[in-house]
Amino acid sequence: MLFSAPDMQEPLTAGTDEAGRGCLAGPVVAGAVIFADGFDLMGLDDSKALKAQERERLAVEIRSLAVGWGIGLAWMNEISRINILQASLMAMTRAVAAMRVRMKVKEKAVPARLLIDGTQIIPPLYFRSFGIPLPEQEAVVDGDALIPSISAASILAKTFRDDLMTRLDARWPEYGFARHKGYGTKEHREALKKYGPCPLHRLDFRSVLPKKEQEQGWLC
């Protein structure tokens, strides 16, 4: 089914989600997506429920068919400074800001409404820091499996992050980032024990540093 592009004067709703929140290494990455009203893409689901090949296929279609989309990141130092939840919300804000730039939006309230996967909404201060008009917000539990735009945002965030971690693996091959993407697998934990953390690791996360070294501080 084909849908015409919405009038930019009409209120637009975006979905947003993150990838990498539970990782021991690498940034948290967020996506934001606006679809035309009533649009759905066959096969959309929570990115974690899809095989890598299917995510890659869908990511291409999402970028082609979405009214707007954007990617935002928060890196390790910011995660340590403001905690992983707030860093995830900041990454979502940056994804919305990137989407607005891609759509060539300035003063207009785009999106007018933002659907966020999870239980938390984004602090208004974050939007103000990017000059984004404050949207109506709604947190949706399991939104990545229920709301097409959130599912799409989840897929864009996951595919972007996986590709980034695969490329970063060439810089730090001893950790196996291309295989586990920074998650706390047995392979990753054993590499941490053997080599210690690298600059990609989140030093405030449990399992990255022994408790004694966390208390004393650590310089990579």
N, C-alpha and C. Protein backbone atom coordinates (compact mmCIF):
# COMPACT_ATOMS: atom_id res chain seq x y z
N MET A 1 0.85 -1.19 0.00
CA MET A 1 0.00 0.00 0.00
C MET A 1 0.88 1.24 0.00
N LEU A 2 0.53 2.24 -0.79
CA LEU A 2 1.29 3.47 -0.88
C LEU A 2 0.62 4.57 -0.08
N PHE A 3 1.43 5.40 0.56
CA PHE A 3 0.93 6.53 1.34
C PHE A 3 1.60 7.78 0.83
N SER A 4 0.83 8.84 0.69
CA SER A 4 1.42 10.10 0.28
C SER A 4 2.16 10.74 1.45
N ALA A 5 3.17 11.53 1.13
CA ALA A 5 3.92 12.21 2.19
C ALA A 5 3.02 13.19 2.92
N PRO A 6 3.10 13.25 4.25
CA PRO A 6 2.24 14.14 5.01
C PRO A 6 2.62 15.60 4.81
N ASP A 7 1.65 16.46 4.96
CA ASP A 7 1.89 17.90 4.94
C ASP A 7 2.71 18.27 6.18
N MET A 8 3.79 19.03 5.99
CA MET A 8 4.64 19.39 7.12
C MET A 8 3.91 20.27 8.13
N GLN A 9 2.75 20.82 7.75
CA GLN A 9 1.96 21.60 8.68
C GLN A 9 1.18 20.71 9.63
N GLU A 10 0.99 19.44 9.25
CA GLU A 10 0.25 18.51 10.09
C GLU A 10 1.15 18.01 11.23
N PRO A 11 0.57 17.72 12.40
CA PRO A 11 1.37 17.19 13.50
C PRO A 11 2.00 15.84 13.11
N LEU A 12 3.29 15.70 13.32
CA LEU A 12 3.99 14.47 12.99
C LEU A 12 4.44 13.76 14.26
N THR A 13 4.32 12.44 14.25
CA THR A 13 4.72 11.61 15.40
C THR A 13 5.96 10.82 15.05
N ALA A 14 6.93 10.83 15.94
CA ALA A 14 8.16 10.06 15.76
C ALA A 14 8.25 8.98 16.83
N GLY A 15 8.94 7.92 16.50
CA GLY A 15 9.29 6.89 17.48
C GLY A 15 10.78 6.90 17.70
N THR A 16 11.22 6.57 18.91
CA THR A 16 12.66 6.53 19.18
C THR A 16 13.00 5.37 20.10
N ASP A 17 14.19 4.82 19.90
CA ASP A 17 14.67 3.71 20.73
C ASP A 17 16.20 3.70 20.67
N GLU A 18 16.81 2.96 21.60
CA GLU A 18 18.26 2.91 21.66
C GLU A 18 18.76 1.47 21.51
N ALA A 19 20.06 1.35 21.24
CA ALA A 19 20.75 0.06 21.21
C ALA A 19 22.06 0.20 21.96
N GLY A 20 22.42 -0.85 22.68
CA GLY A 20 23.70 -0.86 23.37
C GLY A 20 23.67 -0.38 24.80
N ARG A 21 22.50 -0.23 25.36
CA ARG A 21 22.43 0.27 26.73
C ARG A 21 23.09 -0.68 27.72
N GLY A 22 22.97 -1.98 27.49
CA GLY A 22 23.52 -2.95 28.44
C GLY A 22 24.92 -3.42 28.13
N CYS A 23 25.58 -2.80 27.17
CA CYS A 23 26.93 -3.24 26.77
C CYS A 23 27.99 -2.81 27.78
N LEU A 24 29.12 -3.50 27.74
CA LEU A 24 30.26 -3.13 28.56
C LEU A 24 31.20 -2.17 27.84
N ALA A 25 31.02 -2.02 26.52
CA ALA A 25 31.92 -1.20 25.73
C ALA A 25 31.16 -0.55 24.58
N GLY A 26 31.68 0.59 24.12
CA GLY A 26 31.10 1.28 22.99
C GLY A 26 30.01 2.26 23.39
N PRO A 27 29.58 3.07 22.44
CA PRO A 27 28.55 4.08 22.73
C PRO A 27 27.17 3.46 22.81
N VAL A 28 26.23 4.19 23.41
CA VAL A 28 24.82 3.87 23.25
C VAL A 28 24.35 4.67 22.05
N VAL A 29 23.58 4.02 21.17
CA VAL A 29 23.14 4.61 19.91
C VAL A 29 21.62 4.62 19.88
N ALA A 30 21.04 5.73 19.44
CA ALA A 30 19.58 5.85 19.34
C ALA A 30 19.18 6.16 17.92
N GLY A 31 17.97 5.73 17.57
CA GLY A 31 17.38 6.08 16.29
C GLY A 31 16.07 6.81 16.53
N ALA A 32 15.67 7.63 15.57
CA ALA A 32 14.36 8.29 15.59
C ALA A 32 13.78 8.20 14.18
N VAL A 33 12.50 7.88 14.10
CA VAL A 33 11.87 7.65 12.80
C VAL A 33 10.46 8.24 12.79
N ILE A 34 10.12 8.91 11.69
CA ILE A 34 8.74 9.35 11.43
C ILE A 34 8.25 8.61 10.19
N PHE A 35 7.12 7.94 10.34
CA PHE A 35 6.43 7.33 9.20
C PHE A 35 5.18 8.15 8.87
N ALA A 36 4.72 8.07 7.64
CA ALA A 36 3.43 8.65 7.28
C ALA A 36 2.34 7.99 8.11
N ASP A 37 1.29 8.72 8.42
CA ASP A 37 0.19 8.21 9.23
C ASP A 37 -0.38 6.94 8.62
N GLY A 38 -0.46 5.89 9.41
CA GLY A 38 -1.02 4.62 8.94
C GLY A 38 -0.03 3.72 8.25
N PHE A 39 1.21 4.16 8.06
CA PHE A 39 2.19 3.35 7.35
C PHE A 39 2.73 2.24 8.25
N ASP A 40 2.95 1.08 7.68
CA ASP A 40 3.60 -0.02 8.36
C ASP A 40 4.45 -0.74 7.34
N LEU A 41 5.52 -1.36 7.78
CA LEU A 41 6.44 -2.07 6.90
C LEU A 41 6.47 -3.52 7.34
N MET A 42 6.16 -4.42 6.42
CA MET A 42 6.10 -5.83 6.74
C MET A 42 7.44 -6.31 7.30
N GLY A 43 7.38 -7.01 8.41
CA GLY A 43 8.58 -7.56 9.01
C GLY A 43 9.14 -6.74 10.15
N LEU A 44 8.59 -5.52 10.37
CA LEU A 44 9.08 -4.70 11.48
C LEU A 44 8.85 -5.39 12.81
N ASP A 45 9.86 -5.34 13.66
CA ASP A 45 9.76 -5.94 14.99
C ASP A 45 10.89 -5.36 15.83
N ASP A 46 10.88 -5.70 17.10
CA ASP A 46 12.01 -5.35 17.96
C ASP A 46 13.28 -5.86 17.29
N SER A 47 14.29 -5.01 17.18
CA SER A 47 15.52 -5.40 16.47
C SER A 47 16.16 -6.64 17.06
N LYS A 48 16.01 -6.84 18.37
CA LYS A 48 16.62 -8.00 19.01
C LYS A 48 15.96 -9.30 18.59
N ALA A 49 14.73 -9.22 18.07
CA ALA A 49 14.01 -10.42 17.65
C ALA A 49 14.28 -10.79 16.20
N LEU A 50 15.06 -9.97 15.49
CA LEU A 50 15.33 -10.18 14.07
C LEU A 50 16.76 -10.66 13.85
N LYS A 51 16.95 -11.45 12.81
CA LYS A 51 18.29 -11.86 12.42
C LYS A 51 19.00 -10.68 11.76
N ALA A 52 20.33 -10.69 11.81
CA ALA A 52 21.13 -9.57 11.31
C ALA A 52 20.81 -9.26 9.85
N GLN A 53 20.66 -10.28 9.03
CA GLN A 53 20.39 -10.05 7.61
C GLN A 53 19.04 -9.36 7.41
N GLU A 54 18.06 -9.74 8.21
CA GLU A 54 16.74 -9.12 8.11
C GLU A 54 16.78 -7.68 8.60
N ARG A 55 17.53 -7.41 9.66
CA ARG A 55 17.67 -6.03 10.14
C ARG A 55 18.30 -5.15 9.07
N GLU A 56 19.33 -5.66 8.42
CA GLU A 56 20.01 -4.88 7.38
C GLU A 56 19.06 -4.57 6.22
N ARG A 57 18.26 -5.54 5.83
CA ARG A 57 17.31 -5.32 4.74
C ARG A 57 16.29 -4.26 5.12
N LEU A 58 15.76 -4.39 6.34
CA LEU A 58 14.75 -3.45 6.80
C LEU A 58 15.32 -2.05 6.98
N ALA A 59 16.57 -1.95 7.43
CA ALA A 59 17.18 -0.64 7.62
C ALA A 59 17.23 0.14 6.31
N VAL A 60 17.55 -0.55 5.23
CA VAL A 60 17.59 0.11 3.91
C VAL A 60 16.19 0.62 3.54
N GLU A 61 15.17 -0.20 3.77
CA GLU A 61 13.80 0.20 3.43
C GLU A 61 13.31 1.33 4.32
N ILE A 62 13.67 1.28 5.61
CA ILE A 62 13.26 2.35 6.53
C ILE A 62 13.83 3.69 6.09
N ARG A 63 15.12 3.71 5.79
CA ARG A 63 15.75 4.97 5.37
C ARG A 63 15.15 5.49 4.06
N SER A 64 14.68 4.57 3.24
CA SER A 64 14.10 4.96 1.95
C SER A 64 12.66 5.45 2.09
N LEU A 65 11.89 4.84 2.98
CA LEU A 65 10.45 5.07 3.03
C LEU A 65 10.00 6.01 4.15
N ALA A 66 10.84 6.22 5.15
CA ALA A 66 10.44 7.09 6.27
C ALA A 66 10.32 8.54 5.84
N VAL A 67 9.39 9.25 6.45
CA VAL A 67 9.28 10.70 6.25
C VAL A 67 10.54 11.38 6.77
N GLY A 68 11.06 10.88 7.88
CA GLY A 68 12.29 11.41 8.46
C GLY A 68 12.93 10.38 9.36
N TRP A 69 14.25 10.41 9.47
CA TRP A 69 14.96 9.52 10.38
C TRP A 69 16.28 10.15 10.79
N GLY A 70 16.80 9.74 11.96
CA GLY A 70 18.07 10.26 12.45
C GLY A 70 18.72 9.28 13.41
N ILE A 71 20.01 9.45 13.60
CA ILE A 71 20.81 8.63 14.52
C ILE A 71 21.52 9.56 15.50
N GLY A 72 21.56 9.17 16.77
CA GLY A 72 22.28 9.92 17.79
C GLY A 72 23.10 9.01 18.67
N LEU A 73 24.24 9.49 19.17
CA LEU A 73 25.13 8.69 19.99
C LEU A 73 25.46 9.40 21.31
N ALA A 74 25.79 8.60 22.31
CA ALA A 74 26.41 9.08 23.53
C ALA A 74 27.57 8.15 23.83
N TRP A 75 28.78 8.73 24.00
CA TRP A 75 29.98 7.93 24.16
C TRP A 75 30.28 7.65 25.63
N MET A 76 31.35 6.89 25.85
CA MET A 76 31.64 6.33 27.17
C MET A 76 31.82 7.38 28.26
N ASN A 77 32.53 8.48 27.95
CA ASN A 77 32.76 9.50 28.98
C ASN A 77 31.45 10.13 29.43
N GLU A 78 30.51 10.30 28.50
CA GLU A 78 29.22 10.87 28.86
C GLU A 78 28.38 9.87 29.65
N ILE A 79 28.48 8.60 29.28
CA ILE A 79 27.78 7.55 30.03
C ILE A 79 28.26 7.54 31.48
N SER A 80 29.57 7.66 31.67
CA SER A 80 30.13 7.69 33.03
C SER A 80 29.71 8.94 33.79
N ARG A 81 29.60 10.05 33.06
CA ARG A 81 29.33 11.33 33.72
C ARG A 81 27.87 11.48 34.14
N ILE A 82 26.92 11.05 33.29
CA ILE A 82 25.51 11.31 33.61
C ILE A 82 24.70 10.04 33.83
N ASN A 83 25.28 8.88 33.73
CA ASN A 83 24.74 7.53 33.88
C ASN A 83 24.10 7.04 32.58
N ILE A 84 23.94 5.74 32.46
CA ILE A 84 23.54 5.14 31.19
C ILE A 84 22.10 5.51 30.80
N LEU A 85 21.20 5.66 31.78
CA LEU A 85 19.83 6.04 31.44
C LEU A 85 19.80 7.43 30.81
N GLN A 86 20.43 8.39 31.47
CA GLN A 86 20.42 9.76 30.94
C GLN A 86 21.18 9.85 29.62
N ALA A 87 22.25 9.08 29.48
CA ALA A 87 22.99 9.07 28.21
C ALA A 87 22.12 8.50 27.10
N SER A 88 21.30 7.49 27.41
CA SER A 88 20.39 6.93 26.41
C SER A 88 19.35 7.96 25.97
N LEU A 89 18.82 8.70 26.94
CA LEU A 89 17.84 9.75 26.62
C LEU A 89 18.48 10.88 25.83
N MET A 90 19.74 11.20 26.14
CA MET A 90 20.45 12.23 25.38
C MET A 90 20.70 11.76 23.95
N ALA A 91 21.06 10.48 23.78
CA ALA A 91 21.26 9.94 22.44
C ALA A 91 19.96 10.01 21.63
N MET A 92 18.83 9.75 22.28
CA MET A 92 17.54 9.86 21.60
C MET A 92 17.28 11.30 21.17
N THR A 93 17.61 12.25 22.05
CA THR A 93 17.44 13.67 21.70
C THR A 93 18.29 14.02 20.48
N ARG A 94 19.53 13.53 20.46
CA ARG A 94 20.41 13.79 19.31
C ARG A 94 19.88 13.14 18.04
N ALA A 95 19.24 11.97 18.18
CA ALA A 95 18.64 11.34 17.01
C ALA A 95 17.51 12.20 16.45
N VAL A 96 16.69 12.77 17.34
CA VAL A 96 15.62 13.67 16.91
C VAL A 96 16.22 14.91 16.25
N ALA A 97 17.28 15.46 16.84
CA ALA A 97 17.93 16.64 16.26
C ALA A 97 18.48 16.33 14.87
N ALA A 98 19.11 15.16 14.72
CA ALA A 98 19.65 14.76 13.42
C ALA A 98 18.54 14.57 12.39
N MET A 99 17.41 14.03 12.84
CA MET A 99 16.26 13.85 11.96
C MET A 99 15.73 15.19 11.48
N ARG A 100 15.67 16.17 12.37
CA ARG A 100 15.19 17.50 12.00
C ARG A 100 16.13 18.15 10.98
N VAL A 101 17.43 17.96 11.15
CA VAL A 101 18.39 18.50 10.17
C VAL A 101 18.18 17.84 8.81
N ARG A 102 18.00 16.52 8.83
CA ARG A 102 17.79 15.80 7.57
C ARG A 102 16.50 16.26 6.88
N MET A 103 15.49 16.60 7.67
CA MET A 103 14.21 17.06 7.12
C MET A 103 14.22 18.56 6.84
N LYS A 104 15.34 19.24 7.17
CA LYS A 104 15.48 20.68 6.96
C LYS A 104 14.43 21.47 7.73
N VAL A 105 14.21 21.02 8.97
CA VAL A 105 13.26 21.67 9.87
C VAL A 105 14.02 22.61 10.79
N LYS A 106 13.47 23.79 11.05
CA LYS A 106 14.10 24.72 11.99
C LYS A 106 13.15 25.03 13.14
N GLU A 107 12.28 26.01 12.96
CA GLU A 107 11.43 26.42 14.08
C GLU A 107 10.22 25.52 14.30
N LYS A 108 9.81 24.78 13.28
CA LYS A 108 8.57 24.01 13.38
C LYS A 108 8.64 22.92 14.44
N ALA A 109 7.48 22.61 15.02
CA ALA A 109 7.39 21.58 16.05
C ALA A 109 7.35 20.21 15.40
N VAL A 110 8.50 19.74 14.97
CA VAL A 110 8.64 18.41 14.36
C VAL A 110 9.70 17.65 15.16
N PRO A 111 9.30 16.53 15.78
CA PRO A 111 7.95 15.98 15.80
C PRO A 111 7.08 16.68 16.83
N ALA A 112 5.77 16.66 16.59
CA ALA A 112 4.84 17.22 17.57
C ALA A 112 4.65 16.24 18.72
N ARG A 113 4.85 14.95 18.44
CA ARG A 113 4.66 13.90 19.44
C ARG A 113 5.81 12.91 19.30
N LEU A 114 6.31 12.44 20.44
CA LEU A 114 7.43 11.51 20.45
C LEU A 114 7.07 10.30 21.30
N LEU A 115 7.14 9.12 20.68
CA LEU A 115 6.89 7.86 21.37
C LEU A 115 8.22 7.21 21.69
N ILE A 116 8.45 6.92 22.97
CA ILE A 116 9.75 6.46 23.45
C ILE A 116 9.62 5.05 24.00
N ASP A 117 10.47 4.16 23.53
CA ASP A 117 10.45 2.80 24.06
C ASP A 117 10.91 2.80 25.51
N GLY A 118 10.13 2.15 26.39
CA GLY A 118 10.53 2.05 27.78
C GLY A 118 9.56 2.74 28.72
N THR A 119 10.11 3.24 29.83
CA THR A 119 9.28 3.82 30.89
C THR A 119 9.62 5.28 31.18
N GLN A 120 10.63 5.82 30.51
CA GLN A 120 11.10 7.17 30.82
C GLN A 120 10.89 8.11 29.63
N ILE A 121 10.52 9.36 29.93
CA ILE A 121 10.48 10.38 28.89
C ILE A 121 11.76 11.22 28.98
N ILE A 122 12.01 12.03 27.97
CA ILE A 122 13.24 12.82 27.87
C ILE A 122 13.07 14.14 28.62
N PRO A 123 14.04 14.53 29.45
CA PRO A 123 13.95 15.82 30.15
C PRO A 123 13.84 16.98 29.17
N PRO A 124 12.95 17.93 29.41
CA PRO A 124 12.80 19.09 28.51
C PRO A 124 14.11 19.83 28.25
N LEU A 125 15.00 19.86 29.25
CA LEU A 125 16.28 20.55 29.10
C LEU A 125 17.06 20.01 27.91
N TYR A 126 16.97 18.71 27.67
CA TYR A 126 17.72 18.10 26.56
C TYR A 126 17.24 18.66 25.23
N PHE A 127 15.94 18.81 25.07
CA PHE A 127 15.41 19.37 23.82
C PHE A 127 15.84 20.82 23.66
N ARG A 128 15.77 21.58 24.76
CA ARG A 128 16.14 22.99 24.70
C ARG A 128 17.59 23.17 24.30
N SER A 129 18.46 22.25 24.72
CA SER A 129 19.88 22.37 24.41
C SER A 129 20.15 22.26 22.91
N PHE A 130 19.22 21.67 22.17
CA PHE A 130 19.35 21.56 20.71
C PHE A 130 18.38 22.47 19.96
N GLY A 131 17.66 23.32 20.69
CA GLY A 131 16.71 24.22 20.05
C GLY A 131 15.52 23.50 19.45
N ILE A 132 15.14 22.38 20.03
CA ILE A 132 14.01 21.59 19.53
C ILE A 132 12.75 21.97 20.29
N PRO A 133 11.69 22.40 19.61
CA PRO A 133 10.42 22.66 20.31
C PRO A 133 9.98 21.42 21.08
N LEU A 134 9.58 21.60 22.33
CA LEU A 134 9.25 20.48 23.19
C LEU A 134 8.05 19.71 22.64
N PRO A 135 8.23 18.42 22.30
CA PRO A 135 7.10 17.63 21.81
C PRO A 135 6.30 17.02 22.96
N GLU A 136 5.08 16.64 22.66
CA GLU A 136 4.33 15.79 23.59
C GLU A 136 5.06 14.45 23.63
N GLN A 137 5.24 13.89 24.83
CA GLN A 137 5.98 12.64 24.94
C GLN A 137 5.14 11.54 25.59
N GLU A 138 5.39 10.32 25.14
CA GLU A 138 4.75 9.16 25.76
C GLU A 138 5.75 8.01 25.77
N ALA A 139 5.98 7.45 26.96
CA ALA A 139 6.82 6.26 27.09
C ALA A 139 5.95 5.03 26.88
N VAL A 140 6.41 4.11 26.06
CA VAL A 140 5.62 2.92 25.70
C VAL A 140 6.43 1.67 26.04
N VAL A 141 5.99 0.94 27.04
CA VAL A 141 6.65 -0.31 27.41
C VAL A 141 6.50 -1.32 26.28
N ASP A 142 7.61 -1.94 25.88
CA ASP A 142 7.64 -2.88 24.74
C ASP A 142 7.23 -2.20 23.44
N GLY A 143 7.46 -0.89 23.37
CA GLY A 143 7.09 -0.15 22.16
C GLY A 143 7.80 -0.63 20.92
N ASP A 144 9.03 -1.19 21.10
CA ASP A 144 9.78 -1.66 19.94
C ASP A 144 9.13 -2.86 19.26
N ALA A 145 8.21 -3.51 19.96
CA ALA A 145 7.48 -4.63 19.37
C ALA A 145 6.05 -4.25 19.00
N LEU A 146 5.61 -3.04 19.40
CA LEU A 146 4.21 -2.66 19.23
C LEU A 146 3.99 -1.49 18.26
N ILE A 147 4.93 -0.55 18.21
CA ILE A 147 4.76 0.68 17.44
C ILE A 147 5.73 0.67 16.25
N PRO A 148 5.22 0.71 15.00
CA PRO A 148 6.12 0.62 13.84
C PRO A 148 7.27 1.61 13.85
N SER A 149 7.02 2.87 14.22
CA SER A 149 8.11 3.85 14.19
C SER A 149 9.17 3.56 15.24
N ILE A 150 8.76 3.03 16.40
CA ILE A 150 9.74 2.65 17.42
C ILE A 150 10.52 1.42 16.97
N SER A 151 9.84 0.45 16.39
CA SER A 151 10.53 -0.73 15.85
C SER A 151 11.57 -0.31 14.83
N ALA A 152 11.19 0.61 13.95
CA ALA A 152 12.11 1.09 12.91
C ALA A 152 13.30 1.81 13.54
N ALA A 153 13.05 2.63 14.56
CA ALA A 153 14.14 3.32 15.24
C ALA A 153 15.08 2.33 15.90
N SER A 154 14.52 1.28 16.47
CA SER A 154 15.32 0.22 17.09
C SER A 154 16.23 -0.44 16.06
N ILE A 155 15.70 -0.70 14.89
CA ILE A 155 16.47 -1.36 13.83
C ILE A 155 17.58 -0.45 13.32
N LEU A 156 17.29 0.82 13.11
CA LEU A 156 18.33 1.75 12.66
C LEU A 156 19.44 1.87 13.69
N ALA A 157 19.07 1.98 14.96
CA ALA A 157 20.08 2.10 16.02
C ALA A 157 20.94 0.85 16.10
N LYS A 158 20.31 -0.30 16.05
CA LYS A 158 21.03 -1.57 16.17
C LYS A 158 21.98 -1.79 15.00
N THR A 159 21.51 -1.58 13.78
CA THR A 159 22.37 -1.82 12.61
C THR A 159 23.53 -0.82 12.57
N PHE A 160 23.26 0.43 12.93
CA PHE A 160 24.34 1.44 12.96
C PHE A 160 25.38 1.04 14.00
N ARG A 161 24.93 0.67 15.18
CA ARG A 161 25.87 0.35 16.25
C ARG A 161 26.67 -0.92 15.92
N ASP A 162 26.00 -1.93 15.41
CA ASP A 162 26.71 -3.17 15.06
C ASP A 162 27.80 -2.90 14.03
N ASP A 163 27.50 -2.09 13.03
CA ASP A 163 28.49 -1.76 12.02
C ASP A 163 29.65 -0.98 12.62
N LEU A 164 29.33 -0.05 13.52
CA LEU A 164 30.37 0.74 14.17
C LEU A 164 31.29 -0.14 15.00
N MET A 165 30.73 -1.06 15.79
CA MET A 165 31.55 -1.93 16.63
C MET A 165 32.39 -2.88 15.79
N THR A 166 31.86 -3.31 14.65
CA THR A 166 32.63 -4.15 13.75
C THR A 166 33.84 -3.40 13.21
N ARG A 167 33.65 -2.13 12.86
CA ARG A 167 34.76 -1.32 12.37
C ARG A 167 35.78 -1.02 13.47
N LEU A 168 35.29 -0.80 14.70
CA LEU A 168 36.20 -0.54 15.81
C LEU A 168 36.98 -1.79 16.22
N ASP A 169 36.50 -2.95 15.85
CA ASP A 169 37.20 -4.19 16.14
C ASP A 169 38.60 -4.20 15.50
N ALA A 170 38.74 -3.52 14.37
CA ALA A 170 40.05 -3.47 13.71
C ALA A 170 41.09 -2.73 14.55
N ARG A 171 40.62 -1.83 15.40
CA ARG A 171 41.53 -1.07 16.27
C ARG A 171 41.88 -1.85 17.53
N TRP A 172 40.92 -2.61 18.06
CA TRP A 172 41.15 -3.40 19.27
C TRP A 172 40.70 -4.86 19.03
N PRO A 173 41.40 -5.60 18.16
CA PRO A 173 40.94 -6.93 17.76
C PRO A 173 40.95 -7.96 18.88
N GLU A 174 41.74 -7.73 19.93
CA GLU A 174 41.87 -8.74 20.98
C GLU A 174 40.59 -8.94 21.78
N TYR A 175 39.64 -8.00 21.69
CA TYR A 175 38.41 -8.11 22.49
C TYR A 175 37.26 -8.80 21.76
N GLY A 176 37.31 -8.90 20.44
CA GLY A 176 36.25 -9.57 19.70
C GLY A 176 35.00 -8.74 19.50
N PHE A 177 35.15 -7.41 19.41
CA PHE A 177 33.98 -6.54 19.28
C PHE A 177 33.12 -6.87 18.06
N ALA A 178 33.72 -7.34 16.98
CA ALA A 178 32.97 -7.65 15.77
C ALA A 178 31.99 -8.79 16.01
N ARG A 179 32.31 -9.64 16.99
CA ARG A 179 31.44 -10.79 17.26
C ARG A 179 30.37 -10.47 18.30
N HIS A 180 30.75 -9.85 19.41
CA HIS A 180 29.78 -9.65 20.49
C HIS A 180 29.28 -8.21 20.60
N LYS A 181 29.85 -7.28 19.81
CA LYS A 181 29.41 -5.88 19.75
C LYS A 181 29.48 -5.14 21.08
N GLY A 182 30.31 -5.65 21.99
CA GLY A 182 30.50 -4.98 23.28
C GLY A 182 29.66 -5.53 24.41
N TYR A 183 28.79 -6.50 24.13
CA TYR A 183 27.98 -7.10 25.20
C TYR A 183 28.85 -7.99 26.09
N GLY A 184 28.35 -8.29 27.25
CA GLY A 184 29.13 -9.01 28.26
C GLY A 184 29.14 -10.51 28.08
N THR A 185 29.59 -10.98 26.94
CA THR A 185 29.67 -12.42 26.68
C THR A 185 30.84 -13.02 27.45
N LYS A 186 30.89 -14.34 27.48
CA LYS A 186 32.00 -15.03 28.14
C LYS A 186 33.32 -14.65 27.48
N GLU A 187 33.33 -14.63 26.14
CA GLU A 187 34.54 -14.25 25.40
C GLU A 187 35.01 -12.84 25.79
N HIS A 188 34.07 -11.92 25.89
CA HIS A 188 34.41 -10.54 26.21
C HIS A 188 34.95 -10.44 27.64
N ARG A 189 34.31 -11.09 28.57
CA ARG A 189 34.76 -11.02 29.96
C ARG A 189 36.15 -11.65 30.13
N GLU A 190 36.40 -12.73 29.41
CA GLU A 190 37.73 -13.36 29.49
C GLU A 190 38.80 -12.44 28.89
N ALA A 191 38.45 -11.74 27.81
CA ALA A 191 39.40 -10.79 27.21
C ALA A 191 39.69 -9.64 28.18
N LEU A 192 38.67 -9.19 28.90
CA LEU A 192 38.87 -8.14 29.89
C LEU A 192 39.81 -8.59 31.00
N LYS A 193 39.66 -9.82 31.44
CA LYS A 193 40.54 -10.35 32.48
C LYS A 193 41.98 -10.43 31.98
N LYS A 194 42.14 -10.77 30.72
CA LYS A 194 43.47 -10.97 30.16
C LYS A 194 44.16 -9.65 29.81
N TYR A 195 43.42 -8.74 29.18
CA TYR A 195 44.02 -7.51 28.64
C TYR A 195 43.68 -6.25 29.44
N GLY A 196 42.67 -6.32 30.31
CA GLY A 196 42.20 -5.11 30.96
C GLY A 196 41.37 -4.29 29.99
N PRO A 197 40.79 -3.19 30.45
CA PRO A 197 39.91 -2.38 29.58
C PRO A 197 40.70 -1.56 28.57
N CYS A 198 40.04 -1.24 27.46
CA CYS A 198 40.59 -0.33 26.45
C CYS A 198 39.75 0.95 26.48
N PRO A 199 40.10 1.96 25.68
CA PRO A 199 39.34 3.22 25.70
C PRO A 199 37.87 3.09 25.33
N LEU A 200 37.45 1.97 24.76
CA LEU A 200 36.03 1.80 24.43
C LEU A 200 35.20 1.30 25.61
N HIS A 201 35.85 0.87 26.67
CA HIS A 201 35.10 0.27 27.77
C HIS A 201 34.49 1.31 28.70
N ARG A 202 33.35 0.94 29.26
CA ARG A 202 32.63 1.80 30.20
C ARG A 202 33.15 1.47 31.60
N LEU A 203 34.05 2.29 32.09
CA LEU A 203 34.79 1.96 33.29
C LEU A 203 33.94 1.96 34.55
N ASP A 204 32.77 2.59 34.49
CA ASP A 204 31.91 2.60 35.68
C ASP A 204 30.96 1.40 35.71
N PHE A 205 31.00 0.55 34.67
CA PHE A 205 30.11 -0.61 34.64
C PHE A 205 30.73 -1.76 35.42
N ARG A 206 29.89 -2.48 36.15
CA ARG A 206 30.33 -3.67 36.84
C ARG A 206 30.85 -4.67 35.81
N SER A 207 31.85 -5.44 36.19
CA SER A 207 32.49 -6.46 35.35
C SER A 207 33.57 -5.88 34.43
N VAL A 208 33.60 -4.55 34.24
CA VAL A 208 34.66 -3.97 33.42
C VAL A 208 35.93 -3.84 34.24
N LEU A 209 35.81 -3.33 35.47
CA LEU A 209 36.94 -3.22 36.38
C LEU A 209 36.63 -3.95 37.68
N PRO A 210 37.64 -4.56 38.29
CA PRO A 210 37.43 -5.09 39.65
C PRO A 210 36.97 -3.97 40.57
N LYS A 211 36.18 -4.31 41.57
CA LYS A 211 35.61 -3.30 42.46
C LYS A 211 36.68 -2.41 43.08
N LYS A 212 37.82 -2.98 43.47
CA LYS A 212 38.88 -2.21 44.11
C LYS A 212 39.39 -1.12 43.17
N GLU A 213 39.55 -1.46 41.87
CA GLU A 213 40.05 -0.48 40.91
C GLU A 213 38.99 0.57 40.59
N GLN A 214 37.70 0.18 40.63
CA GLN A 214 36.64 1.17 40.43
C GLN A 214 36.68 2.22 41.53
N GLU A 215 36.95 1.77 42.76
CA GLU A 215 36.98 2.71 43.88
C GLU A 215 38.19 3.62 43.81
N GLN A 216 39.32 3.09 43.33
CA GLN A 216 40.54 3.89 43.26
C GLN A 216 40.60 4.78 42.03
N GLY A 217 39.82 4.42 40.98
CA GLY A 217 39.89 5.14 39.72
C GLY A 217 40.86 4.46 38.78
N TRP A 218 40.62 4.64 37.47
CA TRP A 218 41.42 3.96 36.47
C TRP A 218 41.58 4.87 35.27
N LEU A 219 42.81 4.97 34.78
CA LEU A 219 43.06 5.74 33.55
C LEU A 219 43.43 4.76 32.47
N CYS A 220 42.65 4.77 31.36
CA CYS A 220 42.93 3.87 30.24
C CYS A 220 44.18 4.33 29.51
